Amino acid sequence: MELSMKGRNALVTGASLGIGLAIARSFAEAGANVAITARRQEPLELAKRDIEKIAKTKIVTIAGDVSKAEDCTRIFETATKALGYVDVLVNNAGSSQTGKFDDITDEIWQADLDLKLFGAIRLIRHALPAMRDRRSGRIINILNVGAKAPEAGRAPTAVTRAAGMALTKVLAGEGAPHNILVNAMLVGRIESDQWVRRHAKENKGRTMQAYYDEMGKSIPLGRIGTAQEFANLAVFLASDAGSYITGTAINVDGGLCPAV
């Protein structure tokens, strides 16, 4: 089965590296025009060149911080001006902010909510009217498996991501009469820049591959996933092949999460 996104325009946040870049690249390879956004312009330009090596579609870069309301507005307006409309929105921007509950200040809670929850809320708010008018749309919220099975010491991320899962379900119900499909993809342990940074910080003489191999031992499939494997599902959900799937939160984790 060939997955095609020809004629579709996508906006992907957190798209300069890792999972976001893999999704943007895969969308473009499937025929979509893609606006990619992240905080810094230089990595976005590198990402654009990477995508243009394999795809001939239009790639637009927009530097901005989705934790800020004014940046969300500017990002969406710029993407719409460049592409004409946005019919696929992927809310991928985020970080893995964790700690003991007693150590999490109001400022940390608010920053996490602004980035991961309100960033998605604000961009969806911009995207929905045109999607309703066109009677077509796809929204994919990238969360993590902590949204379903939170562990001690995993706040505020697990809490914010759980809110993102509830948002997904609410919007799926509201979007369904307008053919707007809203789903979540839950990250388990996937090769990403986040793990590269953590390896650099924690490195005890292990290579990156040895670090990944050690992480994989706790996963039923025996390995961590690749960003491309994660992106494959995003393409499916954004294409016509995923036309009867909405309101779901799909684990992409090699069987790691105990909750289905």
Protein backbone atom coordinates (compact mmCIF):
# COMPACT_ATOMS: atom_id res chain seq x y z
CA MET A 1 0.00 0.00 0.00
CA GLU A 2 1.39 3.36 -1.06
CA LEU A 3 0.68 6.20 1.35
CA SER A 4 0.17 9.49 -0.44
CA MET A 5 -0.18 13.01 0.94
CA LYS A 6 -0.18 14.75 -2.44
CA GLY A 7 -2.13 17.98 -2.35
CA ARG A 8 -1.89 18.30 1.43
CA ASN A 9 -0.21 21.02 3.43
CA ALA A 10 1.22 20.23 6.84
CA LEU A 11 2.54 22.22 9.77
CA VAL A 12 4.89 20.32 12.08
CA THR A 13 6.18 21.84 15.32
CA GLY A 14 9.47 20.85 16.93
CA ALA A 15 10.58 19.80 13.47
CA SER A 16 14.26 20.74 13.30
CA LEU A 17 15.52 17.48 14.82
CA GLY A 18 14.59 13.93 15.77
CA ILE A 19 10.99 12.79 15.60
CA GLY A 20 9.64 16.08 14.27
CA LEU A 21 12.16 16.15 11.45
CA ALA A 22 11.45 12.51 10.58
CA ILE A 23 7.72 13.28 10.38
CA ALA A 24 8.27 16.36 8.22
CA ARG A 25 10.65 14.47 5.94
CA SER A 26 8.21 11.57 5.57
CA PHE A 27 5.31 13.91 4.86
CA ALA A 28 7.30 15.63 2.12
CA GLU A 29 8.41 12.30 0.67
CA ALA A 30 4.73 11.30 0.53
CA GLY A 31 3.98 14.44 -1.48
CA ALA A 32 2.93 17.04 1.11
CA ASN A 33 4.07 20.63 1.32
CA VAL A 34 5.40 21.17 4.83
CA ALA A 35 5.97 24.13 7.13
CA ILE A 36 8.45 23.24 9.84
CA THR A 37 8.88 25.25 13.00
CA ALA A 38 11.20 25.25 16.00
CA ARG A 39 12.81 27.89 18.18
CA ARG A 40 16.05 28.39 16.26
CA GLN A 41 16.38 29.28 12.58
CA GLU A 42 19.76 27.64 11.88
CA PRO A 43 18.68 24.06 12.69
CA LEU A 44 15.50 24.65 10.68
CA GLU A 45 17.55 25.60 7.62
CA LEU A 46 19.63 22.45 8.03
CA ALA A 47 16.42 20.42 8.33
CA LYS A 48 15.03 22.04 5.20
CA ARG A 49 18.13 21.12 3.21
CA ASP A 50 17.90 17.57 4.53
CA ILE A 51 14.28 17.26 3.40
CA GLU A 52 14.93 18.84 0.01
CA LYS A 53 17.46 16.11 -0.77
CA ILE A 54 14.63 13.57 -1.01
CA ALA A 55 11.52 15.60 -1.86
CA LYS A 56 10.51 18.23 -4.41
CA THR A 57 7.59 19.68 -2.47
CA LYS A 58 7.50 23.12 -0.85
CA ILE A 59 9.30 23.36 2.51
CA VAL A 60 8.85 26.47 4.66
CA THR A 61 10.84 27.28 7.80
CA ILE A 62 9.36 29.37 10.62
CA ALA A 63 11.35 30.11 13.77
CA GLY A 64 9.16 30.55 16.83
CA ASP A 65 8.38 29.47 20.36
CA VAL A 66 5.01 27.70 20.63
CA SER A 67 4.91 28.32 24.39
CA LYS A 68 4.11 31.96 23.51
CA ALA A 69 0.65 32.88 22.26
CA GLU A 70 1.93 35.57 19.92
CA ASP A 71 4.40 33.16 18.31
CA CYS A 72 1.65 30.57 17.75
CA THR A 73 -0.35 33.20 15.89
CA ARG A 74 2.63 34.28 13.80
CA ILE A 75 3.67 30.71 13.03
CA PHE A 76 0.21 29.74 11.83
CA GLU A 77 -0.32 32.91 9.81
CA THR A 78 3.09 32.51 8.15
CA ALA A 79 2.41 28.87 7.31
CA THR A 80 -1.00 29.72 5.87
CA LYS A 81 0.40 32.57 3.79
CA ALA A 82 3.14 30.34 2.38
CA LEU A 83 1.06 27.21 1.78
CA GLY A 84 -2.44 28.58 1.23
CA TYR A 85 -4.01 26.52 4.00
CA VAL A 86 -3.02 23.96 6.64
CA ASP A 87 -4.94 20.70 6.61
CA VAL A 88 -2.50 18.61 8.67
CA LEU A 89 -1.23 19.86 12.03
CA VAL A 90 1.31 17.92 14.07
CA ASN A 91 1.89 19.21 17.60
CA ASN A 92 5.28 17.73 18.38
CA ALA A 93 7.12 20.49 20.25
CA GLY A 94 8.04 19.51 23.78
CA SER A 95 10.65 18.42 26.26
CA SER A 96 11.04 15.81 28.98
CA GLN A 97 10.74 17.92 32.12
CA THR A 98 10.70 15.69 35.20
CA GLY A 99 11.49 15.81 38.87
CA LYS A 100 10.26 15.07 42.37
CA PHE A 101 6.93 16.71 43.08
CA ASP A 102 8.25 18.80 45.99
CA ASP A 103 10.92 20.30 43.73
CA ILE A 104 8.56 21.39 40.94
CA THR A 105 7.81 25.08 41.26
CA ASP A 106 4.80 26.94 39.89
CA GLU A 107 7.10 28.39 37.23
CA ILE A 108 8.16 24.91 36.07
CA TRP A 109 4.55 23.71 35.98
CA GLN A 110 3.46 26.77 33.99
CA ALA A 111 6.34 26.53 31.52
CA ASP A 112 5.53 22.87 30.84
CA LEU A 113 1.84 23.58 30.36
CA ASP A 114 2.57 26.54 28.08
CA LEU A 115 4.89 24.52 25.87
CA LYS A 116 3.13 21.18 25.58
CA LEU A 117 -0.54 21.84 26.25
CA PHE A 118 -1.25 25.47 25.45
CA GLY A 119 1.03 25.40 22.41
CA ALA A 120 -1.18 22.66 20.97
CA ILE A 121 -4.40 24.36 22.09
CA ARG A 122 -3.47 27.66 20.45
CA LEU A 123 -2.37 26.17 17.13
CA ILE A 124 -5.45 23.95 16.97
CA ARG A 125 -7.62 26.98 17.66
CA HIS A 126 -6.07 28.65 14.61
CA ALA A 127 -6.37 25.55 12.42
CA LEU A 128 -9.94 24.42 13.14
CA PRO A 129 -11.99 27.12 11.36
CA ALA A 130 -10.46 26.49 7.93
CA MET A 131 -10.55 22.72 8.48
CA ARG A 132 -14.27 22.96 9.21
CA ASP A 133 -14.82 25.09 6.13
CA ARG A 134 -12.95 22.57 3.97
CA ARG A 135 -14.60 19.64 5.75
CA SER A 136 -11.22 17.99 6.00
CA GLY A 137 -8.39 17.98 8.50
CA ARG A 138 -5.91 15.90 10.44
CA ILE A 139 -4.52 16.80 13.85
CA ILE A 140 -1.87 14.62 15.45
CA ASN A 141 -0.71 15.32 18.99
CA ILE A 142 2.64 13.80 19.91
CA LEU A 143 2.57 12.72 23.56
CA ASN A 144 4.37 9.98 25.48
CA VAL A 145 3.39 6.74 27.17
CA GLY A 146 3.52 8.47 30.55
CA ALA A 147 0.16 9.96 29.61
CA LYS A 148 -1.35 6.49 30.11
CA ALA A 149 0.99 5.01 32.70
CA PRO A 150 2.65 7.80 34.73
CA GLU A 151 5.46 6.86 37.07
CA ALA A 152 6.80 8.48 40.23
CA GLY A 153 9.14 11.36 39.48
CA ARG A 154 7.76 11.90 35.98
CA ALA A 155 5.88 15.14 36.62
CA PRO A 156 5.23 17.60 35.18
CA THR A 157 5.59 15.88 31.79
CA ALA A 158 3.29 12.94 32.54
CA VAL A 159 0.58 15.27 33.84
CA THR A 160 0.80 17.65 30.89
CA ARG A 161 0.79 14.78 28.41
CA ALA A 162 -2.25 13.21 30.08
CA ALA A 163 -4.04 16.52 29.57
CA GLY A 164 -2.99 16.37 25.92
CA MET A 165 -4.59 12.94 25.61
CA ALA A 166 -7.87 14.25 27.06
CA LEU A 167 -7.70 17.21 24.65
CA THR A 168 -7.28 14.76 21.78
CA LYS A 169 -10.43 12.84 22.72
CA VAL A 170 -12.52 15.99 23.22
CA LEU A 171 -11.47 17.42 19.86
CA ALA A 172 -12.02 14.12 18.06
CA GLY A 173 -15.67 14.25 19.08
CA GLU A 174 -16.07 17.88 18.07
CA GLY A 175 -14.18 17.44 14.81
CA ALA A 176 -15.88 14.25 13.63
CA PRO A 177 -18.99 15.91 12.10
CA HIS A 178 -16.62 18.03 9.98
CA ASN A 179 -14.35 15.14 8.91
CA ILE A 180 -11.54 16.43 11.13
CA LEU A 181 -9.65 13.48 12.56
CA VAL A 182 -7.73 13.99 15.79
CA ASN A 183 -5.35 11.38 17.16
CA ALA A 184 -2.39 11.10 19.51
CA MET A 185 0.83 9.18 19.06
CA LEU A 186 2.57 8.18 22.27
CA VAL A 187 6.35 8.02 22.27
CA GLY A 188 8.09 5.25 24.14
CA ARG A 189 11.83 5.05 23.72
CA ILE A 190 12.67 6.33 20.27
CA GLU A 191 16.08 7.39 18.94
CA SER A 192 16.13 11.18 19.20
CA ASP A 193 18.26 14.20 19.95
CA GLN A 194 16.95 14.07 23.52
CA TRP A 195 18.74 10.76 24.10
CA VAL A 196 21.88 12.03 22.38
CA ARG A 197 22.01 14.94 24.82
CA ARG A 198 21.33 12.68 27.77
CA HIS A 199 24.08 10.30 26.64
CA ALA A 200 26.53 13.19 26.42
CA LYS A 201 25.60 14.22 29.95
CA GLU A 202 25.63 10.74 31.49
CA ASN A 203 28.28 9.07 29.32
CA LYS A 204 30.33 6.57 31.26
CA GLY A 205 32.53 5.42 28.43
CA ARG A 206 29.69 3.87 26.45
CA THR A 207 29.13 4.51 22.77
CA MET A 208 25.78 5.87 21.66
CA GLN A 209 24.86 2.45 20.29
CA ALA A 210 25.78 0.76 23.58
CA TYR A 211 23.61 3.33 25.36
CA TYR A 212 20.68 2.50 23.07
CA ASP A 213 21.29 -1.23 23.46
CA GLU A 214 21.16 -0.95 27.25
CA MET A 215 17.89 0.99 27.06
CA GLY A 216 16.44 -1.63 24.76
CA LYS A 217 16.79 -4.41 27.31
CA SER A 218 13.69 -3.20 29.18
CA ILE A 219 11.53 -3.16 26.04
CA PRO A 220 9.62 -6.30 24.97
CA LEU A 221 10.86 -5.98 21.38
CA GLY A 222 14.40 -5.80 22.76
CA ARG A 223 15.40 -2.50 21.19
CA ILE A 224 14.42 1.14 21.06
CA GLY A 225 12.59 2.44 18.02
CA THR A 226 13.78 4.72 15.26
CA ALA A 227 12.37 8.13 14.45
CA GLN A 228 11.46 6.80 11.01
CA GLU A 229 9.38 3.99 12.50
CA PHE A 230 7.50 6.61 14.49
CA ALA A 231 7.05 8.84 11.45
CA ASN A 232 5.60 5.97 9.40
CA LEU A 233 2.50 5.94 11.58
CA ALA A 234 2.13 9.71 11.31
CA VAL A 235 2.04 9.43 7.52
CA PHE A 236 -0.60 6.71 7.75
CA LEU A 237 -2.81 8.80 10.03
CA ALA A 238 -2.40 11.91 7.86
CA SER A 239 -3.13 10.09 4.60
CA ASP A 240 -6.39 8.74 3.18
CA ALA A 241 -5.41 5.34 4.52
CA GLY A 242 -6.20 6.58 8.03
CA SER A 243 -9.61 7.99 7.11
CA TYR A 244 -11.60 6.03 9.73
CA ILE A 245 -9.31 6.53 12.71
CA THR A 246 -10.01 9.29 15.22
CA GLY A 247 -9.98 9.76 18.98
CA THR A 248 -7.19 7.25 19.51
CA ALA A 249 -3.95 7.40 21.48
CA ILE A 250 -1.59 4.93 19.86
CA ASN A 251 1.48 3.64 21.69
CA VAL A 252 4.59 3.56 19.49
CA ASP A 253 6.85 1.93 22.04
CA GLY A 254 7.75 -1.64 21.17
CA GLY A 255 5.36 -2.92 23.87
CA LEU A 256 6.88 -0.87 26.71
CA CYS A 257 3.70 0.71 28.09
CA PRO A 258 1.58 -1.56 30.33
CA ALA A 259 -1.59 0.29 29.27
CA VAL A 260 -3.05 -0.32 25.81
